[in-house]
Amino acid sequence: MSEHNDGAIRQLLGHLRQEREALRAGRFQELAPLIARKEALLAALAGTPGARLAQAQRMAQENQHLLKAAIEGVRAARIRLGEIVQ
């Protein structure tokens, strides 16, 4: 494994941590630039063996679950506000 790939994986893991913190804190305005950066980091890892990417994959899946929960929370809040208005 090259040092470049090790560095790129470390960068991706750090990036995924930033994404997770933004999701947990409800700072959704930060997600668009984070997504663009994540795509660039992933492109740099093309050809890296899957075993080396396992931790990043787990973190990305956790972030996906957090995002899904946030979307469901916003949806529930909209429904509740609609009920209150009526």
C-alpha atoms as a PDB file:
ATOM      1  CA  MET A   1       0.000   0.000   0.000  1.00  0.00           C
ATOM      2  CA  SER A   2       1.453   3.336  -0.982  1.00  0.00           C
ATOM      3  CA  GLU A   3       1.896   6.226   1.395  1.00  0.00           C
ATOM      4  CA  HIS A   4      -0.409   8.230  -0.873  1.00  0.00           C
ATOM      5  CA  ASN A   5      -3.263   5.774  -0.323  1.00  0.00           C
ATOM      6  CA  ASP A   6      -2.630   5.689   3.427  1.00  0.00           C
ATOM      7  CA  GLY A   7      -2.749   9.473   3.517  1.00  0.00           C
ATOM      8  CA  ALA A   8      -5.859   9.553   1.351  1.00  0.00           C
ATOM      9  CA  ILE A   9      -7.610   7.040   3.624  1.00  0.00           C
ATOM     10  CA  ARG A  10      -6.678   9.099   6.702  1.00  0.00           C
ATOM     11  CA  GLN A  11      -8.061  12.198   4.989  1.00  0.00           C
ATOM     12  CA  LEU A  12     -11.287  10.383   4.139  1.00  0.00           C
ATOM     13  CA  LEU A  13     -11.698   9.144   7.716  1.00  0.00           C
ATOM     14  CA  GLY A  14     -11.145  12.654   9.048  1.00  0.00           C
ATOM     15  CA  HIS A  15     -13.628  13.976   6.529  1.00  0.00           C
ATOM     16  CA  LEU A  16     -16.241  11.406   7.516  1.00  0.00           C
ATOM     17  CA  ARG A  17     -15.778  12.453  11.161  1.00  0.00           C
ATOM     18  CA  GLN A  18     -16.465  16.083  10.159  1.00  0.00           C
ATOM     19  CA  GLU A  19     -19.552  14.983   8.264  1.00  0.00           C
ATOM     20  CA  ARG A  20     -20.785  12.989  11.262  1.00  0.00           C
ATOM     21  CA  GLU A  21     -20.321  15.960  13.599  1.00  0.00           C
ATOM     22  CA  ALA A  22     -22.205  18.262  11.210  1.00  0.00           C
ATOM     23  CA  LEU A  23     -25.067  15.762  11.059  1.00  0.00           C
ATOM     24  CA  ARG A  24     -25.196  15.271  14.816  1.00  0.00           C
ATOM     25  CA  ALA A  25     -25.123  19.007  15.462  1.00  0.00           C
ATOM     26  CA  GLY A  26     -27.809  19.704  12.852  1.00  0.00           C
ATOM     27  CA  ARG A  27     -25.471  21.899  10.785  1.00  0.00           C
ATOM     28  CA  PHE A  28     -27.016  20.761   7.527  1.00  0.00           C
ATOM     29  CA  GLN A  29     -25.789  23.840   5.641  1.00  0.00           C
ATOM     30  CA  GLU A  30     -22.281  22.355   5.893  1.00  0.00           C
ATOM     31  CA  LEU A  31     -23.212  19.142   4.070  1.00  0.00           C
ATOM     32  CA  ALA A  32     -23.128  20.332   0.446  1.00  0.00           C
ATOM     33  CA  PRO A  33     -19.448  21.326   0.472  1.00  0.00           C
ATOM     34  CA  LEU A  34     -18.606  18.224   2.504  1.00  0.00           C
ATOM     35  CA  ILE A  35     -20.236  16.005  -0.107  1.00  0.00           C
ATOM     36  CA  ALA A  36     -18.224  17.602  -2.917  1.00  0.00           C
ATOM     37  CA  ARG A  37     -14.988  17.118  -0.966  1.00  0.00           C
ATOM     38  CA  LYS A  38     -15.899  13.519  -0.128  1.00  0.00           C
ATOM     39  CA  GLU A  39     -16.416  12.732  -3.812  1.00  0.00           C
ATOM     40  CA  ALA A  40     -12.922  14.039  -4.581  1.00  0.00           C
ATOM     41  CA  LEU A  41     -11.408  11.994  -1.749  1.00  0.00           C
ATOM     42  CA  LEU A  42     -13.173   8.859  -2.947  1.00  0.00           C
ATOM     43  CA  ALA A  43     -11.948   9.411  -6.514  1.00  0.00           C
ATOM     44  CA  ALA A  44      -8.384   9.573  -5.182  1.00  0.00           C
ATOM     45  CA  LEU A  45      -8.875   6.127  -3.642  1.00  0.00           C
ATOM     46  CA  ALA A  46      -9.844   4.368  -6.857  1.00  0.00           C
ATOM     47  CA  GLY A  47      -8.112   0.998  -7.017  1.00  0.00           C
ATOM     48  CA  THR A  48      -7.477   0.768  -3.268  1.00  0.00           C
ATOM     49  CA  PRO A  49      -8.174  -2.746  -1.945  1.00  0.00           C
ATOM     50  CA  GLY A  50     -11.540  -3.033  -0.226  1.00  0.00           C
ATOM     51  CA  ALA A  51     -10.061  -4.333   2.996  1.00  0.00           C
ATOM     52  CA  ARG A  52      -8.189  -1.036   3.418  1.00  0.00           C
ATOM     53  CA  LEU A  53     -11.435   0.866   2.996  1.00  0.00           C
ATOM     54  CA  ALA A  54     -13.508  -1.153   5.504  1.00  0.00           C
ATOM     55  CA  GLN A  55     -13.339   1.429   8.303  1.00  0.00           C
ATOM     56  CA  ALA A  56     -14.263   4.236   5.926  1.00  0.00           C
ATOM     57  CA  GLN A  57     -17.171   2.184   4.618  1.00  0.00           C
ATOM     58  CA  ARG A  58     -18.472   1.611   8.163  1.00  0.00           C
ATOM     59  CA  MET A  59     -18.212   5.308   8.963  1.00  0.00           C
ATOM     60  CA  ALA A  60     -19.950   6.267   5.720  1.00  0.00           C
ATOM     61  CA  GLN A  61     -22.791   3.856   6.521  1.00  0.00           C
ATOM     62  CA  GLU A  62     -23.149   5.329  10.018  1.00  0.00           C
ATOM     63  CA  ASN A  63     -23.327   8.814   8.491  1.00  0.00           C
ATOM     64  CA  GLN A  64     -25.938   7.606   6.044  1.00  0.00           C
ATOM     65  CA  HIS A  65     -28.059   6.351   8.950  1.00  0.00           C
ATOM     66  CA  LEU A  66     -27.661   9.694  10.736  1.00  0.00           C
ATOM     67  CA  LEU A  67     -28.720  11.575   7.619  1.00  0.00           C
ATOM     68  CA  LYS A  68     -31.741   9.323   7.170  1.00  0.00           C
ATOM     69  CA  ALA A  69     -32.743   9.906  10.808  1.00  0.00           C
ATOM     70  CA  ALA A  70     -32.357  13.667  10.366  1.00  0.00           C
ATOM     71  CA  ILE A  71     -34.558  13.625   7.270  1.00  0.00           C
ATOM     72  CA  GLU A  72     -37.200  11.576   9.086  1.00  0.00           C
ATOM     73  CA  GLY A  73     -37.055  14.007  12.021  1.00  0.00           C
ATOM     74  CA  VAL A  74     -37.595  17.002   9.760  1.00  0.00           C
ATOM     75  CA  ARG A  75     -40.454  15.204   8.041  1.00  0.00           C
ATOM     76  CA  ALA A  76     -42.099  14.418  11.398  1.00  0.00           C
ATOM     77  CA  ALA A  77     -41.661  18.020  12.537  1.00  0.00           C
ATOM     78  CA  ARG A  78     -43.324  19.296   9.358  1.00  0.00           C
ATOM     79  CA  ILE A  79     -46.278  16.975   9.900  1.00  0.00           C
ATOM     80  CA  ARG A  80     -46.578  18.041  13.542  1.00  0.00           C
ATOM     81  CA  LEU A  81     -46.416  21.731  12.641  1.00  0.00           C
ATOM     82  CA  GLY A  82     -49.116  21.174  10.053  1.00  0.00           C
ATOM     83  CA  GLU A  83     -51.302  19.573  12.695  1.00  0.00           C
ATOM     84  CA  ILE A  84     -50.723  22.463  15.088  1.00  0.00           C
ATOM     85  CA  VAL A  85     -51.581  25.041  12.440  1.00  0.00           C
ATOM     86  CA  GLN A  86     -54.854  23.283  11.703  1.00  0.00           C
END
